[in-house]
Amino acid sequence: MWFEEHIKSLISQAADDFDDTVAADTVLQEPGDGGARDQMLDQVLAAQKAQREQLWQKLHELEDTYKHAVQPSLCGEDQTPEKKLLSQYMYEERELSSELEKQMNDVNVISRPSDQTIVELQFKESLFRSTDQLHQALAFIEAELKESVETLQRETAVLKECKEIRSVLTDKLDRVRNGGQHIAAPDSQMEKIPAIRQKHNATMGDLIDFLDMYYPPHPCESPEPADEDMDGARDPNANFCELKFILEDLMNQVVMNPSNPYITLEPGTYWPPYIETLVKAGIALRHPEDSSKIRLADFRL
């Protein structure tokens, strides 16, 4: 501040000196003596020039003094780290204050909607949410309805077939009761029975021959070690396991007791590799809860 006041005073002094020099009543020679008049003007101009140069020199000196006085504070050459940090914090504080003031001004000019507008927006949001939920529920209900219609059609077809079968069986039962006659099979079917029996016997014979050739009797695996002779031969009286007898038991159990077609494998009455062969080939199935029971697989189409 002192520098600006000093410059103003110098400029004011220079202006006053110029006014005094112009307004001074200088005694000049007659117009006829032109040399003295020109010499006087030259002296005035030289004095004014010297005065201007002196003022400009003072002005430059003051400017240099001001630069040397202000530069260390701006560049921070003579400042300690604490002062530099303080200056940085002060600068940040000014910036934050200005930003805060700007934000507060922006907040104050925000146009707030009326209460009725807020209520309408909330109602629209609720309406859209309810509409989405209803669309989802509608899609779920349509899928269930389609599935229910398909199930109803299947059940209706089954019910129709059952009614037809019941009607046919009822008519046959009434005829048997009223006429006292047994229902005889058609002659064409009776003629096929001997051929079917012959084919069945031939198939069973081929099966037995196949089993005797490729799956001969094998000593059963007993829980206790088998007795052996001195030369390592097994006891001839030991039990033998035949695969054909196991298949026979499985088939008889299926025919005689369809509700419980499983047979129990007693330890010492079978050879495990034969059982595993039947299971892996898909001919026999193990009980889901008891591994010591097996049954014949259902080959009916």
C-alpha atoms as a PDB file:
ATOM      1  CA  MET A   1       0.000   0.000   0.000  1.00  0.00           C
ATOM      2  CA  TRP A   2       2.830   2.386   0.829  1.00  0.00           C
ATOM      3  CA  PHE A   3       4.343   1.769  -2.604  1.00  0.00           C
ATOM      4  CA  GLU A   4       1.137   2.774  -4.401  1.00  0.00           C
ATOM      5  CA  GLU A   5       0.811   5.927  -2.300  1.00  0.00           C
ATOM      6  CA  HIS A   6       4.413   6.845  -3.046  1.00  0.00           C
ATOM      7  CA  ILE A   7       3.909   6.430  -6.785  1.00  0.00           C
ATOM      8  CA  LYS A   8       0.741   8.544  -6.649  1.00  0.00           C
ATOM      9  CA  SER A   9       2.613  11.286  -4.821  1.00  0.00           C
ATOM     10  CA  LEU A  10       5.439  11.241  -7.403  1.00  0.00           C
ATOM     11  CA  ILE A  11       2.979  11.443 -10.284  1.00  0.00           C
ATOM     12  CA  SER A  12       1.124  14.282  -8.571  1.00  0.00           C
ATOM     13  CA  GLN A  13       4.387  16.152  -7.930  1.00  0.00           C
ATOM     14  CA  ALA A  14       5.452  15.724 -11.559  1.00  0.00           C
ATOM     15  CA  ALA A  15       2.128  17.072 -12.773  1.00  0.00           C
ATOM     16  CA  ASP A  16       2.341  20.077 -10.443  1.00  0.00           C
ATOM     17  CA  ASP A  17       5.895  20.847 -11.538  1.00  0.00           C
ATOM     18  CA  PHE A  18       4.838  20.678 -15.180  1.00  0.00           C
ATOM     19  CA  ASP A  19       1.942  23.065 -14.523  1.00  0.00           C
ATOM     20  CA  ASP A  20       4.221  25.473 -12.685  1.00  0.00           C
ATOM     21  CA  THR A  21       6.773  25.415 -15.504  1.00  0.00           C
ATOM     22  CA  VAL A  22       4.129  26.094 -18.150  1.00  0.00           C
ATOM     23  CA  ALA A  23       2.446  28.823 -16.130  1.00  0.00           C
ATOM     24  CA  ALA A  24       5.721  30.644 -15.225  1.00  0.00           C
ATOM     25  CA  ASP A  25       5.950  34.172 -16.632  1.00  0.00           C
ATOM     26  CA  THR A  26       9.249  34.003 -18.498  1.00  0.00           C
ATOM     27  CA  VAL A  27      10.723  37.264 -19.755  1.00  0.00           C
ATOM     28  CA  LEU A  28      11.451  36.877 -23.387  1.00  0.00           C
ATOM     29  CA  GLN A  29      13.104  39.153 -25.925  1.00  0.00           C
ATOM     30  CA  GLU A  30      11.247  41.011 -28.587  1.00  0.00           C
ATOM     31  CA  PRO A  31       9.941  39.016 -31.484  1.00  0.00           C
ATOM     32  CA  GLY A  32      12.656  40.440 -33.567  1.00  0.00           C
ATOM     33  CA  ASP A  33      15.296  38.742 -31.438  1.00  0.00           C
ATOM     34  CA  GLY A  34      14.462  35.187 -32.404  1.00  0.00           C
ATOM     35  CA  GLY A  35      17.692  33.606 -31.131  1.00  0.00           C
ATOM     36  CA  ALA A  36      17.087  34.427 -27.447  1.00  0.00           C
ATOM     37  CA  ARG A  37      13.475  33.077 -27.623  1.00  0.00           C
ATOM     38  CA  ASP A  38      14.553  29.788 -29.115  1.00  0.00           C
ATOM     39  CA  GLN A  39      17.309  29.434 -26.589  1.00  0.00           C
ATOM     40  CA  MET A  40      14.841  29.944 -23.762  1.00  0.00           C
ATOM     41  CA  LEU A  41      12.496  27.304 -25.161  1.00  0.00           C
ATOM     42  CA  ASP A  42      15.332  24.867 -25.477  1.00  0.00           C
ATOM     43  CA  GLN A  43      16.300  25.406 -21.881  1.00  0.00           C
ATOM     44  CA  VAL A  44      12.693  24.828 -20.739  1.00  0.00           C
ATOM     45  CA  LEU A  45      12.401  21.665 -22.770  1.00  0.00           C
ATOM     46  CA  ALA A  46      15.778  20.407 -21.524  1.00  0.00           C
ATOM     47  CA  ALA A  47      14.747  21.081 -17.918  1.00  0.00           C
ATOM     48  CA  GLN A  48      11.425  19.291 -18.416  1.00  0.00           C
ATOM     49  CA  LYS A  49      13.235  16.362 -20.077  1.00  0.00           C
ATOM     50  CA  ALA A  50      15.735  16.110 -17.235  1.00  0.00           C
ATOM     51  CA  GLN A  51      12.889  16.295 -14.719  1.00  0.00           C
ATOM     52  CA  ARG A  52      10.954  13.538 -16.577  1.00  0.00           C
ATOM     53  CA  GLU A  53      14.043  11.355 -16.707  1.00  0.00           C
ATOM     54  CA  GLN A  54      14.592  11.894 -13.019  1.00  0.00           C
ATOM     55  CA  LEU A  55      10.976  10.981 -12.268  1.00  0.00           C
ATOM     56  CA  TRP A  56      11.153   7.903 -14.489  1.00  0.00           C
ATOM     57  CA  GLN A  57      14.385   6.846 -12.822  1.00  0.00           C
ATOM     58  CA  LYS A  58      12.787   7.143  -9.391  1.00  0.00           C
ATOM     59  CA  LEU A  59       9.788   5.208 -10.707  1.00  0.00           C
ATOM     60  CA  HIS A  60      12.033   2.384 -11.971  1.00  0.00           C
ATOM     61  CA  GLU A  61      13.927   2.319  -8.703  1.00  0.00           C
ATOM     62  CA  LEU A  62      10.700   2.034  -6.748  1.00  0.00           C
ATOM     63  CA  GLU A  63       9.501  -0.716  -9.081  1.00  0.00           C
ATOM     64  CA  ASP A  64      12.731  -2.674  -8.588  1.00  0.00           C
ATOM     65  CA  THR A  65      12.459  -2.219  -4.844  1.00  0.00           C
ATOM     66  CA  TYR A  66       8.893  -3.488  -4.928  1.00  0.00           C
ATOM     67  CA  LYS A  67       9.886  -6.546  -6.997  1.00  0.00           C
ATOM     68  CA  HIS A  68      12.720  -7.418  -4.616  1.00  0.00           C
ATOM     69  CA  ALA A  69      10.409  -6.970  -1.641  1.00  0.00           C
ATOM     70  CA  VAL A  70       7.515  -9.032  -3.049  1.00  0.00           C
ATOM     71  CA  GLN A  71       9.392 -11.776  -4.945  1.00  0.00           C
ATOM     72  CA  PRO A  72      10.655 -13.757  -1.897  1.00  0.00           C
ATOM     73  CA  SER A  73       7.155 -13.962  -0.498  1.00  0.00           C
ATOM     74  CA  LEU A  74       5.739 -15.116  -3.825  1.00  0.00           C
ATOM     75  CA  CYS A  75       8.423 -17.647  -4.705  1.00  0.00           C
ATOM     76  CA  GLY A  76       8.906 -18.804  -1.160  1.00  0.00           C
ATOM     77  CA  GLU A  77      12.713 -18.658  -1.284  1.00  0.00           C
ATOM     78  CA  ASP A  78      13.121 -17.168   2.202  1.00  0.00           C
ATOM     79  CA  GLN A  79      10.135 -18.967   3.742  1.00  0.00           C
ATOM     80  CA  THR A  80      10.554 -21.799   6.214  1.00  0.00           C
ATOM     81  CA  PRO A  81       8.731 -25.156   5.662  1.00  0.00           C
ATOM     82  CA  GLU A  82       6.216 -24.209   8.367  1.00  0.00           C
ATOM     83  CA  LYS A  83       5.405 -20.940   6.593  1.00  0.00           C
ATOM     84  CA  LYS A  84       5.119 -22.708   3.245  1.00  0.00           C
ATOM     85  CA  LEU A  85       2.726 -25.263   4.767  1.00  0.00           C
ATOM     86  CA  LEU A  86       0.771 -22.474   6.425  1.00  0.00           C
ATOM     87  CA  SER A  87       0.535 -20.602   3.128  1.00  0.00           C
ATOM     88  CA  GLN A  88      -0.663 -23.745   1.398  1.00  0.00           C
ATOM     89  CA  TYR A  89      -3.318 -24.323   4.056  1.00  0.00           C
ATOM     90  CA  MET A  90      -4.447 -20.725   3.819  1.00  0.00           C
ATOM     91  CA  TYR A  91      -4.699 -20.991   0.056  1.00  0.00           C
ATOM     92  CA  GLU A  92      -6.695 -24.212   0.327  1.00  0.00           C
ATOM     93  CA  GLU A  93      -8.937 -22.612   2.925  1.00  0.00           C
ATOM     94  CA  ARG A  94      -9.663 -19.680   0.606  1.00  0.00           C
ATOM     95  CA  GLU A  95     -10.404 -22.025  -2.284  1.00  0.00           C
ATOM     96  CA  LEU A  96     -12.669 -24.220  -0.159  1.00  0.00           C
ATOM     97  CA  SER A  97     -14.445 -21.192   1.246  1.00  0.00           C
ATOM     98  CA  SER A  98     -15.099 -19.852  -2.220  1.00  0.00           C
ATOM     99  CA  GLU A  99     -16.311 -23.264  -3.411  1.00  0.00           C
ATOM    100  CA  LEU A 100     -18.534 -23.616  -0.358  1.00  0.00           C
ATOM    101  CA  GLU A 101     -20.002 -20.207  -0.931  1.00  0.00           C
ATOM    102  CA  LYS A 102     -20.635 -21.090  -4.571  1.00  0.00           C
ATOM    103  CA  GLN A 103     -22.312 -24.360  -3.642  1.00  0.00           C
ATOM    104  CA  MET A 104     -24.456 -22.663  -1.018  1.00  0.00           C
ATOM    105  CA  ASN A 105     -25.559 -20.096  -3.573  1.00  0.00           C
ATOM    106  CA  ASP A 106     -26.417 -22.887  -6.015  1.00  0.00           C
ATOM    107  CA  VAL A 107     -28.397 -24.697  -3.318  1.00  0.00           C
ATOM    108  CA  ASN A 108     -30.350 -21.622  -2.468  1.00  0.00           C
ATOM    109  CA  VAL A 109     -31.441 -21.083  -6.075  1.00  0.00           C
ATOM    110  CA  ILE A 110     -32.668 -24.683  -6.609  1.00  0.00           C
ATOM    111  CA  SER A 111     -36.336 -24.670  -7.505  1.00  0.00           C
ATOM    112  CA  ARG A 112     -38.156 -27.058  -5.244  1.00  0.00           C
ATOM    113  CA  PRO A 113     -41.282 -28.739  -6.569  1.00  0.00           C
ATOM    114  CA  SER A 114     -44.565 -28.245  -4.866  1.00  0.00           C
ATOM    115  CA  ASP A 115     -46.036 -30.835  -2.527  1.00  0.00           C
ATOM    116  CA  GLN A 116     -48.583 -31.853  -5.163  1.00  0.00           C
ATOM    117  CA  THR A 117     -45.786 -32.701  -7.623  1.00  0.00           C
ATOM    118  CA  ILE A 118     -44.047 -34.931  -5.073  1.00  0.00           C
ATOM    119  CA  VAL A 119     -47.303 -36.749  -4.350  1.00  0.00           C
ATOM    120  CA  GLU A 120     -47.868 -37.337  -8.062  1.00  0.00           C
ATOM    121  CA  LEU A 121     -44.334 -38.699  -8.529  1.00  0.00           C
ATOM    122  CA  GLN A 122     -44.739 -41.061  -5.566  1.00  0.00           C
ATOM    123  CA  PHE A 123     -48.104 -42.242  -6.917  1.00  0.00           C
ATOM    124  CA  LYS A 124     -46.607 -42.896 -10.373  1.00  0.00           C
ATOM    125  CA  GLU A 125     -43.701 -44.861  -8.902  1.00  0.00           C
ATOM    126  CA  SER A 126     -46.075 -46.971  -6.809  1.00  0.00           C
ATOM    127  CA  LEU A 127     -48.320 -47.509  -9.841  1.00  0.00           C
ATOM    128  CA  PHE A 128     -45.414 -48.661 -12.031  1.00  0.00           C
ATOM    129  CA  ARG A 129     -44.185 -51.028  -9.324  1.00  0.00           C
ATOM    130  CA  SER A 130     -47.647 -52.536  -8.873  1.00  0.00           C
ATOM    131  CA  THR A 131     -48.005 -52.923 -12.643  1.00  0.00           C
ATOM    132  CA  ASP A 132     -44.712 -54.823 -12.889  1.00  0.00           C
ATOM    133  CA  GLN A 133     -45.733 -57.140 -10.061  1.00  0.00           C
ATOM    134  CA  LEU A 134     -49.101 -57.804 -11.710  1.00  0.00           C
ATOM    135  CA  HIS A 135     -47.396 -58.618 -15.030  1.00  0.00           C
ATOM    136  CA  GLN A 136     -45.141 -61.127 -13.293  1.00  0.00           C
ATOM    137  CA  ALA A 137     -48.082 -62.684 -11.473  1.00  0.00           C
ATOM    138  CA  LEU A 138     -50.047 -62.893 -14.727  1.00  0.00           C
ATOM    139  CA  ALA A 139     -47.195 -64.699 -16.496  1.00  0.00           C
ATOM    140  CA  PHE A 140     -46.880 -67.167 -13.605  1.00  0.00           C
ATOM    141  CA  ILE A 141     -50.638 -67.824 -13.557  1.00  0.00           C
ATOM    142  CA  GLU A 142     -50.730 -68.332 -17.341  1.00  0.00           C
ATOM    143  CA  ALA A 143     -47.923 -70.900 -17.107  1.00  0.00           C
ATOM    144  CA  GLU A 144     -49.708 -72.748 -14.308  1.00  0.00           C
ATOM    145  CA  LEU A 145     -52.974 -72.617 -16.238  1.00  0.00           C
ATOM    146  CA  LYS A 146     -51.321 -74.078 -19.338  1.00  0.00           C
ATOM    147  CA  GLU A 147     -49.773 -76.883 -17.297  1.00  0.00           C
ATOM    148  CA  SER A 148     -53.092 -77.570 -15.569  1.00  0.00           C
ATOM    149  CA  VAL A 149     -54.913 -77.734 -18.920  1.00  0.00           C
ATOM    150  CA  GLU A 150     -52.375 -80.234 -20.279  1.00  0.00           C
ATOM    151  CA  THR A 151     -52.676 -82.338 -17.119  1.00  0.00           C
ATOM    152  CA  LEU A 152     -56.473 -82.224 -17.364  1.00  0.00           C
ATOM    153  CA  GLN A 153     -56.359 -83.376 -20.980  1.00  0.00           C
ATOM    154  CA  ARG A 154     -54.104 -86.316 -20.081  1.00  0.00           C
ATOM    155  CA  GLU A 155     -56.280 -87.257 -17.119  1.00  0.00           C
ATOM    156  CA  THR A 156     -59.403 -86.990 -19.284  1.00  0.00           C
ATOM    157  CA  ALA A 157     -57.911 -89.323 -21.900  1.00  0.00           C
ATOM    158  CA  VAL A 158     -56.900 -91.837 -19.202  1.00  0.00           C
ATOM    159  CA  LEU A 159     -60.328 -91.633 -17.603  1.00  0.00           C
ATOM    160  CA  LYS A 160     -61.974 -92.252 -20.961  1.00  0.00           C
ATOM    161  CA  GLU A 161     -59.803 -95.335 -21.556  1.00  0.00           C
ATOM    162  CA  CYS A 162     -60.549 -96.629 -18.063  1.00  0.00           C
ATOM    163  CA  LYS A 163     -64.268 -96.199 -18.627  1.00  0.00           C
ATOM    164  CA  GLU A 164     -64.072 -98.104 -21.891  1.00  0.00           C
ATOM    165  CA  ILE A 165     -62.107-100.940 -20.269  1.00  0.00           C
ATOM    166  CA  ARG A 166     -64.534-101.025 -17.350  1.00  0.00           C
ATOM    167  CA  SER A 167     -67.485-101.149 -19.714  1.00  0.00           C
ATOM    168  CA  VAL A 168     -65.963-104.046 -21.681  1.00  0.00           C
ATOM    169  CA  LEU A 169     -65.077-105.984 -18.528  1.00  0.00           C
ATOM    170  CA  THR A 170     -68.532-105.365 -17.054  1.00  0.00           C
ATOM    171  CA  ASP A 171     -70.203-106.702 -20.203  1.00  0.00           C
ATOM    172  CA  LYS A 172     -68.019-109.831 -20.148  1.00  0.00           C
ATOM    173  CA  LEU A 173     -68.731-110.377 -16.455  1.00  0.00           C
ATOM    174  CA  ASP A 174     -72.478-110.041 -17.048  1.00  0.00           C
ATOM    175  CA  ARG A 175     -72.337-112.521 -19.892  1.00  0.00           C
ATOM    176  CA  VAL A 176     -70.430-115.010 -17.766  1.00  0.00           C
ATOM    177  CA  ARG A 177     -72.828-114.646 -14.856  1.00  0.00           C
ATOM    178  CA  ASN A 178     -75.964-114.872 -16.979  1.00  0.00           C
ATOM    179  CA  GLY A 179     -74.868-117.593 -19.404  1.00  0.00           C
ATOM    180  CA  GLY A 180     -72.765-119.644 -16.985  1.00  0.00           C
ATOM    181  CA  GLN A 181     -70.140-120.178 -19.666  1.00  0.00           C
ATOM    182  CA  HIS A 182     -66.408-119.631 -19.437  1.00  0.00           C
ATOM    183  CA  ILE A 183     -64.774-117.260 -21.817  1.00  0.00           C
ATOM    184  CA  ALA A 184     -62.900-119.312 -24.312  1.00  0.00           C
ATOM    185  CA  ALA A 185     -59.915-118.022 -26.158  1.00  0.00           C
ATOM    186  CA  PRO A 186     -60.213-117.740 -29.931  1.00  0.00           C
ATOM    187  CA  ASP A 187     -59.137-120.747 -31.961  1.00  0.00           C
ATOM    188  CA  SER A 188     -56.308-118.769 -33.575  1.00  0.00           C
ATOM    189  CA  GLN A 189     -54.741-118.096 -30.188  1.00  0.00           C
ATOM    190  CA  MET A 190     -55.149-121.680 -29.050  1.00  0.00           C
ATOM    191  CA  GLU A 191     -53.295-122.827 -32.124  1.00  0.00           C
ATOM    192  CA  LYS A 192     -50.332-120.548 -31.241  1.00  0.00           C
ATOM    193  CA  ILE A 193     -49.913-121.888 -27.709  1.00  0.00           C
ATOM    194  CA  PRO A 194     -48.071-125.135 -28.628  1.00  0.00           C
ATOM    195  CA  ALA A 195     -45.661-123.249 -30.889  1.00  0.00           C
ATOM    196  CA  ILE A 196     -45.020-120.700 -28.157  1.00  0.00           C
ATOM    197  CA  ARG A 197     -44.367-123.430 -25.585  1.00  0.00           C
ATOM    198  CA  GLN A 198     -42.021-125.219 -27.954  1.00  0.00           C
ATOM    199  CA  LYS A 199     -40.123-122.007 -28.640  1.00  0.00           C
ATOM    200  CA  HIS A 200     -39.944-121.267 -24.917  1.00  0.00           C
ATOM    201  CA  ASN A 201     -38.544-124.720 -24.129  1.00  0.00           C
ATOM    202  CA  ALA A 202     -35.971-124.421 -26.915  1.00  0.00           C
ATOM    203  CA  THR A 203     -34.887-120.982 -25.663  1.00  0.00           C
ATOM    204  CA  MET A 204     -34.549-122.230 -22.099  1.00  0.00           C
ATOM    205  CA  GLY A 205     -32.510-125.198 -23.293  1.00  0.00           C
ATOM    206  CA  ASP A 206     -30.168-122.956 -25.258  1.00  0.00           C
ATOM    207  CA  LEU A 207     -29.800-120.705 -22.205  1.00  0.00           C
ATOM    208  CA  ILE A 208     -28.916-123.655 -19.954  1.00  0.00           C
ATOM    209  CA  ASP A 209     -26.368-124.949 -22.463  1.00  0.00           C
ATOM    210  CA  PHE A 210     -24.834-121.480 -22.749  1.00  0.00           C
ATOM    211  CA  LEU A 211     -24.564-121.135 -18.974  1.00  0.00           C
ATOM    212  CA  ASP A 212     -23.096-124.608 -18.532  1.00  0.00           C
ATOM    213  CA  MET A 213     -20.456-123.887 -21.167  1.00  0.00           C
ATOM    214  CA  TYR A 214     -19.387-120.338 -20.190  1.00  0.00           C
ATOM    215  CA  TYR A 215     -20.460-120.174 -16.540  1.00  0.00           C
ATOM    216  CA  PRO A 216     -19.702-123.588 -15.045  1.00  0.00           C
ATOM    217  CA  PRO A 217     -20.426-124.414 -11.378  1.00  0.00           C
ATOM    218  CA  HIS A 218     -18.052-122.696  -9.019  1.00  0.00           C
ATOM    219  CA  PRO A 219     -17.463-123.323  -5.303  1.00  0.00           C
ATOM    220  CA  CYS A 220     -19.402-120.912  -3.162  1.00  0.00           C
ATOM    221  CA  GLU A 221     -17.536-118.347  -1.123  1.00  0.00           C
ATOM    222  CA  SER A 222     -18.128-119.205   2.522  1.00  0.00           C
ATOM    223  CA  PRO A 223     -17.414-116.820   5.408  1.00  0.00           C
ATOM    224  CA  GLU A 224     -14.968-119.414   6.875  1.00  0.00           C
ATOM    225  CA  PRO A 225     -11.844-120.631   5.005  1.00  0.00           C
ATOM    226  CA  ALA A 226     -12.508-123.829   3.009  1.00  0.00           C
ATOM    227  CA  ASP A 227     -10.770-127.010   4.121  1.00  0.00           C
ATOM    228  CA  GLU A 228      -7.999-128.171   1.782  1.00  0.00           C
ATOM    229  CA  ASP A 229      -6.082-131.434   1.512  1.00  0.00           C
ATOM    230  CA  MET A 230      -2.359-131.650   1.955  1.00  0.00           C
ATOM    231  CA  ASP A 231      -1.834-131.284  -1.802  1.00  0.00           C
ATOM    232  CA  GLY A 232      -4.013-128.083  -1.977  1.00  0.00           C
ATOM    233  CA  ALA A 233      -7.180-129.717  -3.441  1.00  0.00           C
ATOM    234  CA  ARG A 234     -10.538-128.443  -2.220  1.00  0.00           C
ATOM    235  CA  ASP A 235     -13.096-130.499  -0.396  1.00  0.00           C
ATOM    236  CA  PRO A 236     -15.280-132.305  -2.964  1.00  0.00           C
ATOM    237  CA  ASN A 237     -18.297-131.995  -0.664  1.00  0.00           C
ATOM    238  CA  ALA A 238     -18.154-128.146  -0.733  1.00  0.00           C
ATOM    239  CA  ASN A 239     -21.215-126.256  -2.071  1.00  0.00           C
ATOM    240  CA  PHE A 240     -21.141-125.104  -5.680  1.00  0.00           C
ATOM    241  CA  CYS A 241     -22.807-122.039  -7.145  1.00  0.00           C
ATOM    242  CA  GLU A 242     -24.480-122.406 -10.566  1.00  0.00           C
ATOM    243  CA  LEU A 243     -25.560-119.307 -12.432  1.00  0.00           C
ATOM    244  CA  LYS A 244     -28.515-121.070 -14.050  1.00  0.00           C
ATOM    245  CA  PHE A 245     -30.059-121.836 -10.657  1.00  0.00           C
ATOM    246  CA  ILE A 246     -29.728-118.191  -9.605  1.00  0.00           C
ATOM    247  CA  LEU A 247     -31.552-117.094 -12.776  1.00  0.00           C
ATOM    248  CA  GLU A 248     -34.200-119.713 -12.169  1.00  0.00           C
ATOM    249  CA  ASP A 249     -34.795-118.443  -8.643  1.00  0.00           C
ATOM    250  CA  LEU A 250     -35.040-114.855  -9.910  1.00  0.00           C
ATOM    251  CA  MET A 251     -37.600-115.759 -12.599  1.00  0.00           C
ATOM    252  CA  ASN A 252     -39.689-117.895 -10.254  1.00  0.00           C
ATOM    253  CA  GLN A 253     -39.757-115.121  -7.639  1.00  0.00           C
ATOM    254  CA  VAL A 254     -40.984-112.605 -10.195  1.00  0.00           C
ATOM    255  CA  VAL A 255     -43.777-114.925 -11.338  1.00  0.00           C
ATOM    256  CA  MET A 256     -44.808-116.259  -7.910  1.00  0.00           C
ATOM    257  CA  ASN A 257     -44.539-113.019  -5.921  1.00  0.00           C
ATOM    258  CA  PRO A 258     -44.677-109.940  -8.195  1.00  0.00           C
ATOM    259  CA  SER A 259     -45.156-107.562  -5.259  1.00  0.00           C
ATOM    260  CA  ASN A 260     -41.835-108.665  -3.720  1.00  0.00           C
ATOM    261  CA  PRO A 261     -39.582-110.019  -6.498  1.00  0.00           C
ATOM    262  CA  TYR A 262     -36.363-109.868  -4.419  1.00  0.00           C
ATOM    263  CA  ILE A 263     -34.422-112.949  -3.312  1.00  0.00           C
ATOM    264  CA  THR A 264     -32.027-112.931  -0.378  1.00  0.00           C
ATOM    265  CA  LEU A 265     -28.408-113.945  -0.982  1.00  0.00           C
ATOM    266  CA  GLU A 266     -27.355-116.088   1.946  1.00  0.00           C
ATOM    267  CA  PRO A 267     -23.615-116.132   2.712  1.00  0.00           C
ATOM    268  CA  GLY A 268     -22.018-119.364   1.565  1.00  0.00           C
ATOM    269  CA  THR A 269     -24.656-120.089  -1.089  1.00  0.00           C
ATOM    270  CA  TYR A 270     -23.353-118.012  -4.008  1.00  0.00           C
ATOM    271  CA  TRP A 271     -20.199-116.835  -5.719  1.00  0.00           C
ATOM    272  CA  PRO A 272     -19.940-112.982  -5.753  1.00  0.00           C
ATOM    273  CA  PRO A 273     -18.461-112.646  -9.283  1.00  0.00           C
ATOM    274  CA  TYR A 274     -21.566-114.330 -10.745  1.00  0.00           C
ATOM    275  CA  ILE A 275     -23.797-111.854  -8.887  1.00  0.00           C
ATOM    276  CA  GLU A 276     -21.707-108.897 -10.068  1.00  0.00           C
ATOM    277  CA  THR A 277     -21.923-110.216 -13.646  1.00  0.00           C
ATOM    278  CA  LEU A 278     -25.730-110.209 -13.492  1.00  0.00           C
ATOM    279  CA  VAL A 279     -25.830-106.716 -11.985  1.00  0.00           C
ATOM    280  CA  LYS A 280     -23.351-105.131 -14.419  1.00  0.00           C
ATOM    281  CA  ALA A 281     -25.118-106.760 -17.393  1.00  0.00           C
ATOM    282  CA  GLY A 282     -28.434-105.211 -16.302  1.00  0.00           C
ATOM    283  CA  ILE A 283     -30.082-108.610 -15.801  1.00  0.00           C
ATOM    284  CA  ALA A 284     -30.448-108.253 -12.029  1.00  0.00           C
ATOM    285  CA  LEU A 285     -30.981-105.208  -9.788  1.00  0.00           C
ATOM    286  CA  ARG A 286     -29.952-104.748  -6.171  1.00  0.00           C
ATOM    287  CA  HIS A 287     -32.348-103.629  -3.474  1.00  0.00           C
ATOM    288  CA  PRO A 288     -31.947 -99.859  -2.889  1.00  0.00           C
ATOM    289  CA  GLU A 289     -31.719-100.349   0.898  1.00  0.00           C
ATOM    290  CA  ASP A 290     -30.386-103.916   1.318  1.00  0.00           C
ATOM    291  CA  SER A 291     -27.421-104.989  -0.819  1.00  0.00           C
ATOM    292  CA  SER A 292     -27.962-108.645   0.064  1.00  0.00           C
ATOM    293  CA  LYS A 293     -31.196-108.736  -1.994  1.00  0.00           C
ATOM    294  CA  ILE A 294     -31.472-108.797  -5.783  1.00  0.00           C
ATOM    295  CA  ARG A 295     -34.318-109.062  -8.276  1.00  0.00           C
ATOM    296  CA  LEU A 296     -34.761-109.725 -11.968  1.00  0.00           C
ATOM    297  CA  ALA A 297     -34.845-106.614 -14.121  1.00  0.00           C
ATOM    298  CA  ASP A 298     -38.179-105.746 -15.711  1.00  0.00           C
ATOM    299  CA  PHE A 299     -37.766-106.383 -19.456  1.00  0.00           C
ATOM    300  CA  ARG A 300     -41.371-105.690 -20.352  1.00  0.00           C
ATOM    301  CA  LEU A 301     -41.902-102.945 -22.915  1.00  0.00           C
END
